[in-house]
């Protein structure tokens, strides 16, 4: 599939990089510290802000301190806990700075640390600190389009999680799903690919031409 766009919006963990082993290590430790191991077992950790996850298993007055604690644990675990996913650097390298952004459910310090760990510099980032409603609400991707000065309808979202893809669709954007963390039958998108190595981009005079999939 060929898609013409003005900007590309990338989720981070599961799309550009993977830190899943680190995530599970840190959240397991946090659950043990707060005595919520059993409750956490049925909670989906992927693609959601920490505050929303913790609100499901902790009293409201405990959530802020737990958010701070999980961020510290995850930032401390970044060295050696992050890997670059296939195709990431090759896809990002030719993109002009005003043509792409990272849109993540992680906090800015954590997301920045993970990207810097694998040598990725990002021009624009929308993180949990910047929004009031996380994915699947469209706010994160709409804010990214606004920061880049691009019509949302001219943006393409790259995501691995159902919540993120729902967010992109709700923002009126086209979507490319990666099967890095979910099966293809769990993902609803304009096109589904294994990872970013199945995507190429050509910079044109008026934007970007993306080729995704076979």
N, C-alpha and C. Protein backbone atom coordinates (compact mmCIF):
# COMPACT_ATOMS: atom_id res chain seq x y z
N UNK A 1 0.84 -1.20 0.00
CA UNK A 1 0.00 0.00 0.00
C UNK A 1 0.87 1.25 0.00
N UNK A 2 0.53 2.21 -0.84
CA UNK A 2 1.23 3.49 -0.87
C UNK A 2 0.33 4.56 -0.24
N UNK A 3 0.91 5.34 0.66
CA UNK A 3 0.17 6.40 1.35
C UNK A 3 0.96 7.69 1.22
N UNK A 4 0.30 8.76 0.80
CA UNK A 4 0.95 10.07 0.78
C UNK A 4 0.55 10.82 2.04
N UNK A 5 1.52 11.40 2.71
CA UNK A 5 1.26 12.09 3.98
C UNK A 5 2.19 13.28 4.13
N UNK A 6 1.90 14.08 5.15
CA UNK A 6 2.77 15.21 5.48
C UNK A 6 3.56 14.96 6.75
N UNK A 7 3.09 14.02 7.59
CA UNK A 7 3.80 13.73 8.83
C UNK A 7 3.54 12.31 9.28
N UNK A 8 4.54 11.72 9.95
CA UNK A 8 4.44 10.38 10.50
C UNK A 8 4.52 10.47 12.01
N UNK A 9 3.60 9.79 12.70
CA UNK A 9 3.52 9.82 14.15
C UNK A 9 3.74 8.41 14.68
N UNK A 10 4.80 8.25 15.48
CA UNK A 10 5.20 6.93 15.93
C UNK A 10 4.97 6.74 17.43
N UNK A 11 4.27 5.66 17.78
CA UNK A 11 4.35 5.19 19.15
C UNK A 11 5.80 4.81 19.41
N UNK A 12 6.17 4.67 20.68
CA UNK A 12 7.57 4.36 20.99
C UNK A 12 7.76 2.88 21.30
N UNK A 13 7.39 2.45 22.50
CA UNK A 13 7.66 1.09 22.92
C UNK A 13 6.78 0.09 22.16
N UNK A 14 7.41 -0.85 21.48
CA UNK A 14 6.69 -1.80 20.65
C UNK A 14 6.62 -1.38 19.19
N UNK A 15 7.02 -0.14 18.91
CA UNK A 15 7.00 0.37 17.55
C UNK A 15 8.42 0.74 17.10
N UNK A 16 9.04 1.68 17.80
CA UNK A 16 10.41 2.05 17.50
C UNK A 16 11.42 1.20 18.26
N UNK A 17 11.11 0.95 19.53
CA UNK A 17 12.01 0.20 20.41
C UNK A 17 11.19 -0.84 21.18
N UNK A 18 11.92 -1.72 21.87
CA UNK A 18 11.25 -2.64 22.78
C UNK A 18 11.95 -2.62 24.12
N UNK A 19 11.17 -2.43 25.16
CA UNK A 19 11.70 -2.50 26.52
C UNK A 19 10.82 -3.41 27.37
N UNK A 20 10.15 -4.37 26.70
CA UNK A 20 9.15 -5.16 27.40
C UNK A 20 9.73 -5.96 28.57
N UNK A 21 10.93 -6.51 28.41
CA UNK A 21 11.51 -7.25 29.53
C UNK A 21 11.73 -6.33 30.72
N UNK A 22 12.22 -5.13 30.45
CA UNK A 22 12.42 -4.14 31.51
C UNK A 22 11.09 -3.74 32.14
N UNK A 23 10.08 -3.53 31.31
CA UNK A 23 8.75 -3.14 31.81
C UNK A 23 8.23 -4.18 32.79
N UNK A 24 8.29 -5.43 32.40
CA UNK A 24 7.75 -6.49 33.27
C UNK A 24 8.57 -6.65 34.54
N UNK A 25 9.88 -6.49 34.44
CA UNK A 25 10.71 -6.54 35.65
C UNK A 25 10.30 -5.45 36.63
N UNK A 26 10.16 -4.23 36.12
CA UNK A 26 9.87 -3.09 36.99
C UNK A 26 8.46 -3.15 37.56
N UNK A 27 7.49 -3.52 36.73
CA UNK A 27 6.12 -3.57 37.22
C UNK A 27 5.91 -4.73 38.19
N UNK A 28 6.63 -5.81 37.97
CA UNK A 28 6.56 -6.93 38.93
C UNK A 28 7.08 -6.48 40.29
N UNK A 29 8.18 -5.76 40.29
CA UNK A 29 8.74 -5.26 41.55
C UNK A 29 7.77 -4.28 42.22
N UNK A 30 7.20 -3.38 41.43
CA UNK A 30 6.26 -2.41 42.00
C UNK A 30 5.05 -3.12 42.61
N UNK A 31 4.52 -4.10 41.90
CA UNK A 31 3.35 -4.85 42.40
C UNK A 31 3.67 -5.53 43.72
N UNK A 32 4.87 -6.06 43.83
CA UNK A 32 5.29 -6.69 45.09
C UNK A 32 5.39 -5.66 46.21
N UNK A 33 5.96 -4.51 45.91
CA UNK A 33 6.13 -3.47 46.92
C UNK A 33 4.79 -2.97 47.45
N UNK A 34 3.78 -2.90 46.57
CA UNK A 34 2.47 -2.37 46.97
C UNK A 34 1.47 -3.48 47.30
N UNK A 35 1.91 -4.72 47.24
CA UNK A 35 1.03 -5.82 47.60
C UNK A 35 -0.14 -6.03 46.65
N UNK A 36 0.07 -5.77 45.35
CA UNK A 36 -1.02 -5.90 44.39
C UNK A 36 -0.64 -6.86 43.25
N UNK A 37 0.20 -7.83 43.55
CA UNK A 37 0.66 -8.76 42.51
C UNK A 37 -0.51 -9.47 41.85
N UNK A 38 -1.46 -9.95 42.64
CA UNK A 38 -2.59 -10.69 42.07
C UNK A 38 -3.46 -9.77 41.22
N UNK A 39 -3.72 -8.56 41.69
CA UNK A 39 -4.55 -7.62 40.94
C UNK A 39 -3.88 -7.22 39.63
N UNK A 40 -2.56 -7.06 39.64
CA UNK A 40 -1.83 -6.64 38.45
C UNK A 40 -1.79 -7.72 37.38
N UNK A 41 -2.00 -8.97 37.77
CA UNK A 41 -1.88 -10.07 36.82
C UNK A 41 -2.84 -9.95 35.65
N UNK A 42 -3.97 -9.31 35.85
CA UNK A 42 -4.98 -9.21 34.78
C UNK A 42 -5.02 -7.83 34.13
N UNK A 43 -4.04 -6.98 34.43
CA UNK A 43 -4.03 -5.61 33.91
C UNK A 43 -3.13 -5.53 32.68
N UNK A 44 -3.63 -4.90 31.62
CA UNK A 44 -2.85 -4.69 30.40
C UNK A 44 -1.91 -3.51 30.62
N UNK A 45 -0.60 -3.78 30.54
CA UNK A 45 0.39 -2.74 30.79
C UNK A 45 0.74 -1.95 29.53
N UNK A 46 0.43 -2.50 28.36
CA UNK A 46 1.01 -1.95 27.15
C UNK A 46 0.21 -0.80 26.56
N UNK A 47 0.92 0.30 26.25
CA UNK A 47 0.33 1.41 25.52
C UNK A 47 -0.59 2.31 26.33
N UNK A 48 -0.44 2.27 27.66
CA UNK A 48 -1.31 3.08 28.52
C UNK A 48 -0.47 3.84 29.54
N UNK A 49 -0.88 5.05 29.92
CA UNK A 49 -0.14 5.80 30.94
C UNK A 49 -0.14 5.06 32.27
N UNK A 50 0.97 5.17 33.00
CA UNK A 50 1.11 4.50 34.29
C UNK A 50 0.01 4.90 35.26
N UNK A 51 -0.39 6.17 35.25
CA UNK A 51 -1.42 6.63 36.19
C UNK A 51 -2.74 5.90 35.96
N UNK A 52 -3.09 5.64 34.70
CA UNK A 52 -4.33 4.93 34.40
C UNK A 52 -4.25 3.48 34.85
N UNK A 53 -3.10 2.86 34.65
CA UNK A 53 -2.92 1.47 35.07
C UNK A 53 -3.02 1.36 36.59
N UNK A 54 -2.32 2.23 37.28
CA UNK A 54 -2.27 2.16 38.74
C UNK A 54 -3.61 2.51 39.38
N UNK A 55 -4.40 3.34 38.71
CA UNK A 55 -5.72 3.68 39.24
C UNK A 55 -6.64 2.47 39.29
N UNK A 56 -6.32 1.44 38.52
CA UNK A 56 -7.15 0.23 38.51
C UNK A 56 -6.86 -0.69 39.70
N UNK A 57 -5.69 -0.52 40.33
CA UNK A 57 -5.29 -1.49 41.36
C UNK A 57 -4.95 -0.86 42.71
N UNK A 58 -4.90 0.47 42.77
CA UNK A 58 -4.53 1.14 44.01
C UNK A 58 -5.57 2.17 44.42
N UNK A 59 -5.67 2.47 45.71
CA UNK A 59 -6.52 3.59 46.16
C UNK A 59 -6.02 4.89 45.54
N UNK A 60 -6.94 5.80 45.29
CA UNK A 60 -6.59 7.02 44.57
C UNK A 60 -5.47 7.80 45.25
N UNK A 61 -5.40 7.78 46.59
CA UNK A 61 -4.38 8.55 47.28
C UNK A 61 -2.99 7.94 47.15
N UNK A 62 -2.91 6.69 46.70
CA UNK A 62 -1.62 6.02 46.53
C UNK A 62 -1.06 6.16 45.12
N UNK A 63 -1.91 6.56 44.18
CA UNK A 63 -1.50 6.57 42.78
C UNK A 63 -0.33 7.52 42.49
N UNK A 64 -0.34 8.78 42.94
CA UNK A 64 0.78 9.67 42.60
C UNK A 64 2.14 9.15 43.04
N UNK A 65 2.24 8.64 44.27
CA UNK A 65 3.54 8.14 44.72
C UNK A 65 3.94 6.89 43.95
N UNK A 66 2.96 6.05 43.57
CA UNK A 66 3.28 4.86 42.80
C UNK A 66 3.73 5.22 41.38
N UNK A 67 3.14 6.25 40.80
CA UNK A 67 3.58 6.73 39.48
C UNK A 67 5.03 7.18 39.54
N UNK A 68 5.39 7.93 40.56
CA UNK A 68 6.77 8.37 40.72
C UNK A 68 7.71 7.18 40.92
N UNK A 69 7.24 6.20 41.67
CA UNK A 69 8.08 5.04 41.94
C UNK A 69 8.33 4.22 40.68
N UNK A 70 7.29 3.95 39.89
CA UNK A 70 7.49 3.15 38.69
C UNK A 70 8.36 3.89 37.69
N UNK A 71 8.23 5.22 37.62
CA UNK A 71 9.10 5.96 36.71
C UNK A 71 10.56 5.83 37.13
N UNK A 72 10.84 5.93 38.43
CA UNK A 72 12.22 5.78 38.90
C UNK A 72 12.75 4.39 38.58
N UNK A 73 11.94 3.38 38.85
CA UNK A 73 12.37 2.00 38.58
C UNK A 73 12.68 1.80 37.09
N UNK A 74 11.81 2.31 36.23
CA UNK A 74 11.99 2.09 34.80
C UNK A 74 13.17 2.90 34.24
N UNK A 75 13.35 4.13 34.70
CA UNK A 75 14.49 4.92 34.23
C UNK A 75 15.80 4.26 34.66
N UNK A 76 15.84 3.77 35.90
CA UNK A 76 17.04 3.09 36.39
C UNK A 76 17.34 1.82 35.61
N UNK A 77 16.30 1.21 35.04
CA UNK A 77 16.45 -0.06 34.32
C UNK A 77 16.74 0.13 32.84
N UNK A 78 16.79 1.38 32.37
CA UNK A 78 16.99 1.64 30.94
C UNK A 78 18.32 1.09 30.43
N UNK A 79 19.45 1.35 31.09
CA UNK A 79 20.72 0.84 30.54
C UNK A 79 20.69 -0.68 30.36
N UNK A 80 20.84 -1.10 29.12
CA UNK A 80 20.81 -2.53 28.82
C UNK A 80 19.42 -3.12 28.75
N UNK A 81 18.38 -2.30 28.98
CA UNK A 81 17.02 -2.82 29.01
C UNK A 81 16.19 -2.42 27.81
N UNK A 82 16.82 -1.85 26.78
CA UNK A 82 16.10 -1.37 25.60
C UNK A 82 16.78 -1.90 24.35
N UNK A 83 15.98 -2.35 23.38
CA UNK A 83 16.53 -2.77 22.09
C UNK A 83 15.80 -2.04 20.97
N UNK A 84 16.54 -1.76 19.91
CA UNK A 84 15.97 -1.12 18.73
C UNK A 84 15.23 -2.17 17.91
N UNK A 85 14.03 -1.87 17.48
CA UNK A 85 13.27 -2.81 16.67
C UNK A 85 13.67 -2.71 15.20
N UNK A 86 13.49 -3.80 14.43
CA UNK A 86 13.93 -3.81 13.03
C UNK A 86 13.31 -2.68 12.22
N UNK A 87 14.16 -2.06 11.40
CA UNK A 87 13.71 -1.03 10.47
C UNK A 87 13.61 0.37 11.02
N UNK A 88 13.78 0.53 12.35
CA UNK A 88 13.54 1.85 12.95
C UNK A 88 14.50 2.90 12.41
N UNK A 89 15.80 2.67 12.53
CA UNK A 89 16.76 3.70 12.12
C UNK A 89 16.70 3.95 10.63
N UNK A 90 16.51 2.91 9.86
CA UNK A 90 16.45 3.06 8.41
C UNK A 90 15.26 3.92 7.99
N UNK A 91 14.13 3.78 8.69
CA UNK A 91 12.95 4.56 8.35
C UNK A 91 13.07 6.01 8.81
N UNK A 92 13.61 6.21 10.02
CA UNK A 92 13.69 7.56 10.57
C UNK A 92 14.78 8.41 9.92
N UNK A 93 15.86 7.80 9.48
CA UNK A 93 17.03 8.54 9.02
C UNK A 93 16.74 9.59 7.94
N UNK A 94 15.93 9.28 6.92
CA UNK A 94 15.70 10.30 5.88
C UNK A 94 14.62 11.33 6.20
N UNK A 95 13.93 11.17 7.34
CA UNK A 95 12.79 12.05 7.61
C UNK A 95 13.24 13.43 8.06
N UNK A 96 12.74 14.50 7.43
CA UNK A 96 13.00 15.85 7.93
C UNK A 96 12.41 16.02 9.33
N UNK A 97 13.03 16.84 10.14
CA UNK A 97 12.61 16.99 11.54
C UNK A 97 11.17 17.44 11.69
N UNK A 98 10.67 18.23 10.73
CA UNK A 98 9.30 18.74 10.86
C UNK A 98 8.26 17.77 10.32
N UNK A 99 8.70 16.56 9.97
CA UNK A 99 7.79 15.59 9.37
C UNK A 99 7.47 14.40 10.27
N UNK A 100 7.99 14.37 11.52
CA UNK A 100 7.67 13.21 12.35
C UNK A 100 7.74 13.55 13.84
N UNK A 101 7.06 12.71 14.61
CA UNK A 101 7.03 12.91 16.06
C UNK A 101 6.84 11.55 16.74
N UNK A 102 7.24 11.51 18.00
CA UNK A 102 7.00 10.35 18.85
C UNK A 102 5.80 10.66 19.74
N UNK A 103 4.86 9.73 19.81
CA UNK A 103 3.65 9.92 20.62
C UNK A 103 3.56 8.71 21.56
N UNK A 104 3.87 8.92 22.83
CA UNK A 104 4.03 7.81 23.76
C UNK A 104 3.18 7.96 25.00
N UNK A 105 2.81 6.83 25.59
CA UNK A 105 2.07 6.84 26.85
C UNK A 105 3.00 6.91 28.04
N UNK A 106 4.31 6.81 27.80
CA UNK A 106 5.28 6.93 28.88
C UNK A 106 5.48 8.40 29.24
N UNK A 107 6.10 8.65 30.39
CA UNK A 107 6.46 10.02 30.73
C UNK A 107 7.62 10.47 29.86
N UNK A 108 7.79 11.78 29.75
CA UNK A 108 8.86 12.30 28.90
C UNK A 108 10.26 11.84 29.35
N UNK A 109 10.60 11.92 30.65
CA UNK A 109 11.94 11.47 31.05
C UNK A 109 12.22 10.01 30.70
N UNK A 110 11.21 9.15 30.89
CA UNK A 110 11.40 7.73 30.61
C UNK A 110 11.51 7.48 29.11
N UNK A 111 10.60 8.05 28.33
CA UNK A 111 10.65 7.83 26.88
C UNK A 111 11.94 8.38 26.28
N UNK A 112 12.36 9.57 26.73
CA UNK A 112 13.60 10.16 26.22
C UNK A 112 14.80 9.29 26.57
N UNK A 113 14.83 8.78 27.79
CA UNK A 113 15.95 7.92 28.21
C UNK A 113 16.02 6.66 27.36
N UNK A 114 14.87 6.07 27.08
CA UNK A 114 14.86 4.85 26.26
C UNK A 114 15.32 5.12 24.84
N UNK A 115 14.87 6.23 24.24
CA UNK A 115 15.29 6.54 22.88
C UNK A 115 16.77 6.88 22.82
N UNK A 116 17.26 7.65 23.77
CA UNK A 116 18.67 7.99 23.78
C UNK A 116 19.55 6.77 24.00
N UNK A 117 19.03 5.78 24.73
CA UNK A 117 19.78 4.55 24.97
C UNK A 117 20.12 3.83 23.66
N UNK A 118 19.23 3.93 22.68
CA UNK A 118 19.47 3.26 21.39
C UNK A 118 19.87 4.25 20.29
N UNK A 119 20.20 5.49 20.67
CA UNK A 119 20.77 6.45 19.73
C UNK A 119 19.77 7.14 18.83
N UNK A 120 18.55 7.33 19.29
CA UNK A 120 17.55 8.03 18.49
C UNK A 120 17.30 9.42 19.06
N UNK A 121 17.49 10.44 18.22
CA UNK A 121 17.13 11.81 18.57
C UNK A 121 15.78 12.12 17.92
N UNK A 122 14.88 12.70 18.68
CA UNK A 122 13.53 12.95 18.18
C UNK A 122 13.28 14.46 18.12
N UNK A 123 12.60 14.94 17.08
CA UNK A 123 12.33 16.37 16.95
C UNK A 123 11.19 16.84 17.84
N UNK A 124 10.14 16.02 17.94
CA UNK A 124 8.93 16.36 18.71
C UNK A 124 8.49 15.12 19.46
N UNK A 125 8.10 15.30 20.73
CA UNK A 125 7.55 14.19 21.49
C UNK A 125 6.30 14.65 22.24
N UNK A 126 5.26 13.84 22.16
CA UNK A 126 4.08 14.01 23.01
C UNK A 126 4.10 12.84 24.00
N UNK A 127 4.20 13.17 25.28
CA UNK A 127 4.31 12.16 26.32
C UNK A 127 3.16 12.29 27.30
N UNK A 128 3.14 11.40 28.29
CA UNK A 128 2.05 11.41 29.27
C UNK A 128 1.95 12.75 29.99
N UNK A 129 3.09 13.44 30.14
CA UNK A 129 3.11 14.74 30.82
C UNK A 129 2.35 15.81 30.06
N UNK A 130 2.15 15.61 28.77
CA UNK A 130 1.61 16.66 27.91
C UNK A 130 0.10 16.60 27.72
N UNK A 131 -0.54 15.54 28.20
CA UNK A 131 -1.95 15.32 27.87
C UNK A 131 -2.80 15.16 29.13
N UNK A 132 -4.10 15.28 28.94
CA UNK A 132 -5.03 15.01 30.04
C UNK A 132 -5.77 13.70 29.83
N UNK A 133 -5.83 13.21 28.58
CA UNK A 133 -6.50 11.95 28.25
C UNK A 133 -5.59 11.12 27.37
N UNK A 134 -5.27 9.92 27.83
CA UNK A 134 -4.37 9.06 27.08
C UNK A 134 -5.08 8.24 26.02
N UNK A 135 -4.30 7.52 25.22
CA UNK A 135 -4.85 6.59 24.24
C UNK A 135 -5.77 5.61 24.96
N UNK A 136 -6.94 5.30 24.41
CA UNK A 136 -7.40 5.46 23.02
C UNK A 136 -8.05 6.81 22.69
N UNK A 137 -8.05 7.77 23.61
CA UNK A 137 -8.54 9.10 23.27
C UNK A 137 -7.65 9.69 22.17
N UNK A 138 -8.18 10.49 21.26
CA UNK A 138 -7.37 11.05 20.17
C UNK A 138 -6.43 12.18 20.59
N UNK A 139 -6.55 12.67 21.82
CA UNK A 139 -5.78 13.85 22.23
C UNK A 139 -4.28 13.74 21.94
N UNK A 140 -3.60 12.64 22.25
CA UNK A 140 -2.14 12.61 22.03
C UNK A 140 -1.76 12.84 20.57
N UNK A 141 -2.44 12.17 19.65
CA UNK A 141 -2.08 12.32 18.24
C UNK A 141 -2.52 13.67 17.67
N UNK A 142 -3.65 14.19 18.13
CA UNK A 142 -4.07 15.52 17.68
C UNK A 142 -3.09 16.59 18.13
N UNK A 143 -2.57 16.44 19.35
CA UNK A 143 -1.58 17.40 19.85
C UNK A 143 -0.29 17.31 19.05
N UNK A 144 0.11 16.10 18.67
CA UNK A 144 1.32 15.95 17.85
C UNK A 144 1.15 16.64 16.50
N UNK A 145 -0.01 16.45 15.87
CA UNK A 145 -0.26 17.12 14.59
C UNK A 145 -0.22 18.63 14.74
N UNK A 146 -0.79 19.12 15.84
CA UNK A 146 -0.79 20.56 16.10
C UNK A 146 0.64 21.08 16.27
N UNK A 147 1.47 20.35 17.02
CA UNK A 147 2.86 20.78 17.23
C UNK A 147 3.64 20.81 15.92
N UNK A 148 3.33 19.88 15.03
CA UNK A 148 4.02 19.85 13.74
C UNK A 148 3.41 20.80 12.72
N UNK A 149 2.24 21.34 13.04
CA UNK A 149 1.56 22.24 12.12
C UNK A 149 1.00 21.54 10.90
N UNK A 150 0.49 20.31 11.12
CA UNK A 150 0.00 19.48 10.02
C UNK A 150 -1.46 19.13 10.26
N UNK A 151 -2.26 19.11 9.20
CA UNK A 151 -3.64 18.66 9.27
C UNK A 151 -3.66 17.20 9.74
N UNK A 152 -4.45 16.86 10.76
CA UNK A 152 -4.50 15.47 11.22
C UNK A 152 -4.79 14.47 10.10
N UNK A 153 -5.61 14.87 9.15
CA UNK A 153 -5.95 13.96 8.06
C UNK A 153 -4.77 13.66 7.16
N UNK A 154 -3.69 14.43 7.30
CA UNK A 154 -2.48 14.23 6.49
C UNK A 154 -1.38 13.54 7.29
N UNK A 155 -1.76 12.92 8.41
CA UNK A 155 -0.81 12.20 9.26
C UNK A 155 -1.03 10.70 9.17
N UNK A 156 0.04 9.94 9.35
CA UNK A 156 -0.05 8.49 9.43
C UNK A 156 0.50 8.06 10.79
N UNK A 157 -0.26 7.23 11.48
CA UNK A 157 0.10 6.74 12.80
C UNK A 157 0.69 5.33 12.68
N UNK A 158 1.80 5.09 13.36
CA UNK A 158 2.42 3.77 13.43
C UNK A 158 2.30 3.29 14.87
N UNK A 159 1.61 2.17 15.06
CA UNK A 159 1.29 1.68 16.41
C UNK A 159 1.30 0.16 16.46
N UNK A 160 1.56 -0.37 17.66
CA UNK A 160 1.51 -1.81 17.87
C UNK A 160 0.37 -2.23 18.79
N UNK A 161 -0.31 -1.28 19.41
CA UNK A 161 -1.32 -1.61 20.42
C UNK A 161 -2.71 -1.18 19.97
N UNK A 162 -3.73 -1.96 20.30
CA UNK A 162 -5.10 -1.59 19.93
C UNK A 162 -5.51 -0.21 20.41
N UNK A 163 -5.12 0.15 21.65
CA UNK A 163 -5.50 1.46 22.17
C UNK A 163 -4.89 2.58 21.35
N UNK A 164 -3.66 2.42 20.93
CA UNK A 164 -3.00 3.45 20.12
C UNK A 164 -3.61 3.57 18.74
N UNK A 165 -3.94 2.43 18.13
CA UNK A 165 -4.58 2.47 16.82
C UNK A 165 -5.96 3.11 16.90
N UNK A 166 -6.69 2.82 17.97
CA UNK A 166 -8.00 3.46 18.17
C UNK A 166 -7.84 4.97 18.33
N UNK A 167 -6.80 5.38 19.02
CA UNK A 167 -6.51 6.80 19.19
C UNK A 167 -6.25 7.47 17.84
N UNK A 168 -5.44 6.83 17.02
CA UNK A 168 -5.13 7.39 15.70
C UNK A 168 -6.37 7.49 14.82
N UNK A 169 -7.19 6.44 14.83
CA UNK A 169 -8.42 6.48 14.03
C UNK A 169 -9.34 7.58 14.51
N UNK A 170 -9.47 7.72 15.83
CA UNK A 170 -10.35 8.75 16.39
C UNK A 170 -9.86 10.15 16.04
N UNK A 171 -8.55 10.28 15.80
CA UNK A 171 -7.98 11.57 15.41
C UNK A 171 -8.14 11.83 13.92
N UNK A 172 -8.72 10.89 13.19
CA UNK A 172 -8.94 11.06 11.75
C UNK A 172 -7.71 10.79 10.92
N UNK A 173 -6.80 9.98 11.45
CA UNK A 173 -5.53 9.69 10.77
C UNK A 173 -5.53 8.28 10.21
N UNK A 174 -4.72 8.07 9.18
CA UNK A 174 -4.52 6.71 8.69
C UNK A 174 -3.57 5.98 9.63
N UNK A 175 -3.69 4.66 9.65
CA UNK A 175 -2.96 3.89 10.64
C UNK A 175 -2.23 2.71 10.02
N UNK A 176 -1.02 2.47 10.54
CA UNK A 176 -0.23 1.29 10.18
C UNK A 176 0.03 0.53 11.47
N UNK A 177 -0.41 -0.73 11.51
CA UNK A 177 -0.25 -1.56 12.70
C UNK A 177 0.97 -2.47 12.54
N UNK A 178 1.71 -2.64 13.65
CA UNK A 178 2.86 -3.53 13.69
C UNK A 178 2.52 -4.72 14.60
N UNK A 179 2.85 -5.92 14.15
CA UNK A 179 2.52 -7.11 14.94
C UNK A 179 3.69 -7.49 15.85
N UNK A 180 4.29 -6.51 16.48
CA UNK A 180 5.42 -6.74 17.38
C UNK A 180 4.98 -7.18 18.77
N UNK A 181 3.77 -6.82 19.18
CA UNK A 181 3.29 -7.19 20.52
C UNK A 181 1.90 -7.82 20.50
N UNK A 182 1.17 -7.71 19.38
CA UNK A 182 -0.16 -8.28 19.26
C UNK A 182 -0.28 -9.02 17.94
N UNK A 183 -1.19 -9.97 17.89
CA UNK A 183 -1.46 -10.68 16.64
C UNK A 183 -2.19 -9.77 15.66
N UNK A 184 -2.06 -10.08 14.39
CA UNK A 184 -2.71 -9.27 13.36
C UNK A 184 -4.22 -9.21 13.54
N UNK A 185 -4.83 -10.33 14.01
CA UNK A 185 -6.28 -10.33 14.16
C UNK A 185 -6.75 -9.52 15.37
N UNK A 186 -5.83 -9.00 16.15
CA UNK A 186 -6.17 -8.14 17.28
C UNK A 186 -6.04 -6.66 16.93
N UNK A 187 -5.59 -6.38 15.71
CA UNK A 187 -5.26 -5.01 15.32
C UNK A 187 -6.13 -4.54 14.17
N UNK A 188 -6.71 -3.36 14.30
CA UNK A 188 -7.52 -2.76 13.25
C UNK A 188 -6.78 -1.55 12.70
N UNK A 189 -6.41 -1.60 11.41
CA UNK A 189 -5.62 -0.52 10.82
C UNK A 189 -5.79 -0.53 9.31
N UNK A 190 -5.31 0.52 8.65
CA UNK A 190 -5.36 0.58 7.19
C UNK A 190 -4.45 -0.47 6.57
N UNK A 191 -3.34 -0.74 7.24
CA UNK A 191 -2.42 -1.77 6.79
C UNK A 191 -1.73 -2.36 8.01
N UNK A 192 -1.43 -3.66 7.95
CA UNK A 192 -0.76 -4.35 9.05
C UNK A 192 0.55 -4.93 8.53
N UNK A 193 1.65 -4.67 9.24
CA UNK A 193 2.97 -5.16 8.85
C UNK A 193 3.65 -5.80 10.05
N UNK A 194 4.68 -6.62 9.82
CA UNK A 194 5.38 -7.24 10.95
C UNK A 194 6.12 -6.22 11.82
N UNK A 195 6.81 -5.28 11.20
CA UNK A 195 7.58 -4.25 11.90
C UNK A 195 7.96 -3.18 10.89
N UNK A 196 8.75 -2.21 11.31
CA UNK A 196 9.08 -1.08 10.43
C UNK A 196 10.01 -1.45 9.28
N UNK A 197 10.60 -2.64 9.31
CA UNK A 197 11.42 -3.06 8.18
C UNK A 197 10.56 -3.31 6.94
N UNK A 198 9.24 -3.43 7.13
CA UNK A 198 8.32 -3.62 6.01
C UNK A 198 7.77 -2.29 5.49
N UNK A 199 8.33 -1.19 5.97
CA UNK A 199 7.87 0.15 5.59
C UNK A 199 9.06 0.93 5.01
N UNK A 200 8.81 1.66 3.93
CA UNK A 200 9.83 2.56 3.38
C UNK A 200 9.19 3.92 3.12
N UNK A 201 10.03 4.93 3.06
CA UNK A 201 9.51 6.28 2.87
C UNK A 201 10.38 7.04 1.88
N UNK A 202 9.73 7.84 1.04
CA UNK A 202 10.44 8.71 0.12
C UNK A 202 9.99 10.14 0.38
N UNK A 203 10.95 11.02 0.58
CA UNK A 203 10.64 12.43 0.79
C UNK A 203 10.37 13.08 -0.56
N UNK A 204 9.21 13.73 -0.69
CA UNK A 204 8.84 14.40 -1.94
C UNK A 204 8.78 15.91 -1.71
N UNK A 205 8.47 16.63 -2.75
CA UNK A 205 8.43 18.07 -2.64
C UNK A 205 7.33 18.58 -1.74
N UNK A 206 6.25 17.82 -1.60
CA UNK A 206 5.13 18.28 -0.79
C UNK A 206 4.81 17.35 0.37
N UNK A 207 5.75 16.47 0.72
CA UNK A 207 5.47 15.59 1.86
C UNK A 207 6.27 14.31 1.81
N UNK A 208 5.56 13.20 2.08
CA UNK A 208 6.19 11.90 2.19
C UNK A 208 5.35 10.87 1.45
N UNK A 209 6.00 9.94 0.78
CA UNK A 209 5.30 8.82 0.18
C UNK A 209 5.74 7.55 0.90
N UNK A 210 4.79 6.90 1.56
CA UNK A 210 5.08 5.72 2.37
C UNK A 210 4.62 4.48 1.63
N UNK A 211 5.50 3.49 1.58
CA UNK A 211 5.12 2.19 1.06
C UNK A 211 5.15 1.21 2.22
N UNK A 212 4.02 0.56 2.48
CA UNK A 212 3.91 -0.33 3.63
C UNK A 212 3.34 -1.67 3.20
N UNK A 213 4.01 -2.75 3.60
CA UNK A 213 3.53 -4.09 3.28
C UNK A 213 3.89 -4.51 1.88
N UNK A 214 3.34 -5.66 1.50
CA UNK A 214 3.67 -6.23 0.19
C UNK A 214 3.06 -5.40 -0.93
